[in-house]
């Protein structure tokens, strides 16, 4: 399911959309997490890969706490800069 339509360079927008999605669908996500056969649930953030020695992408505690409470893992997929 698509949580955000923000691009790879718009991480802040992706985070805002993810928070809204988690708040809107809390009950359904709790049910999903405890459903038989569901092994894991993840939010995958597509992020632009910078051409630098070190790249740091941070996620706010409120997002991480909500994800943890809902038993949702964090995935970061890096995509080459266009």
Protein backbone atom coordinates (compact mmCIF):
# COMPACT_ATOMS: atom_id res chain seq x y z
CA UNK A 1 0.00 0.00 0.00
CA UNK A 2 1.30 3.46 -0.87
CA UNK A 3 1.57 5.68 2.22
CA UNK A 4 3.12 8.73 0.55
CA UNK A 5 3.52 10.05 -2.96
CA UNK A 6 6.43 12.34 -2.05
CA UNK A 7 9.60 11.77 -4.07
CA UNK A 8 12.90 10.25 -2.97
CA UNK A 9 14.31 13.67 -2.06
CA UNK A 10 11.26 14.64 0.02
CA UNK A 11 11.85 12.63 3.20
CA UNK A 12 10.13 15.18 5.48
CA UNK A 13 6.96 14.88 3.40
CA UNK A 14 7.16 11.09 3.49
CA UNK A 15 7.46 11.23 7.28
CA UNK A 16 4.45 13.57 7.62
CA UNK A 17 2.37 11.30 5.39
CA UNK A 18 3.47 8.22 7.34
CA UNK A 19 2.44 9.80 10.66
CA UNK A 20 -0.97 10.70 9.24
CA UNK A 21 -1.40 7.18 7.83
CA UNK A 22 -0.48 5.54 11.13
CA UNK A 23 -2.85 7.81 13.08
CA UNK A 24 -5.70 7.25 10.62
CA UNK A 25 -5.32 3.46 10.45
CA UNK A 26 -4.21 2.57 13.99
CA UNK A 27 -7.05 0.13 14.68
CA UNK A 28 -6.64 -1.69 11.37
CA UNK A 29 -2.86 -1.91 11.77
CA UNK A 30 -3.20 -3.36 15.28
CA UNK A 31 -5.57 -5.98 13.93
CA UNK A 32 -3.25 -6.73 11.02
CA UNK A 33 -0.22 -7.13 13.31
CA UNK A 34 -2.01 -9.82 15.34
CA UNK A 35 -3.56 -11.66 12.39
CA UNK A 36 -2.53 -15.27 11.84
CA UNK A 37 0.10 -15.64 9.15
CA UNK A 38 1.36 -12.05 9.35
CA UNK A 39 5.05 -12.29 10.12
CA UNK A 40 6.04 -8.64 9.84
CA UNK A 41 4.81 -5.24 8.75
CA UNK A 42 7.21 -2.57 7.53
CA UNK A 43 7.20 1.00 6.32
CA UNK A 44 9.67 1.36 3.47
CA UNK A 45 11.02 4.86 2.92
CA UNK A 46 12.47 5.41 -0.56
CA UNK A 47 15.32 7.88 -0.17
CA UNK A 48 17.60 9.48 -2.73
CA UNK A 49 21.20 8.30 -2.39
CA UNK A 50 23.50 11.31 -2.21
CA UNK A 51 26.97 11.28 -3.72
CA UNK A 52 28.74 11.89 -0.38
CA UNK A 53 31.07 10.00 1.94
CA UNK A 54 28.49 9.79 4.74
CA UNK A 55 24.73 10.06 4.38
CA UNK A 56 22.56 10.54 7.45
CA UNK A 57 18.79 10.29 7.33
CA UNK A 58 16.96 10.70 10.62
CA UNK A 59 13.45 9.85 11.70
CA UNK A 60 11.62 11.65 14.52
CA UNK A 61 10.92 9.87 17.79
CA UNK A 62 7.15 10.28 17.46
CA UNK A 63 7.18 8.30 14.20
CA UNK A 64 9.47 5.60 15.61
CA UNK A 65 7.41 5.29 18.81
CA UNK A 66 4.16 4.95 16.89
CA UNK A 67 5.71 2.39 14.54
CA UNK A 68 7.09 0.40 17.48
CA UNK A 69 3.76 0.50 19.29
CA UNK A 70 2.09 -0.91 16.17
CA UNK A 71 4.86 -3.51 15.67
CA UNK A 72 5.90 -1.96 12.35
CA UNK A 73 9.51 -2.16 11.19
CA UNK A 74 11.49 0.53 9.39
CA UNK A 75 13.06 -0.09 5.98
CA UNK A 76 15.12 2.45 4.06
CA UNK A 77 15.53 1.80 0.35
CA UNK A 78 18.13 3.97 -1.33
CA UNK A 79 17.76 5.01 -4.94
CA UNK A 80 20.40 6.60 -7.16
CA UNK A 81 20.14 10.31 -7.72
CA UNK A 82 18.70 11.10 -11.13
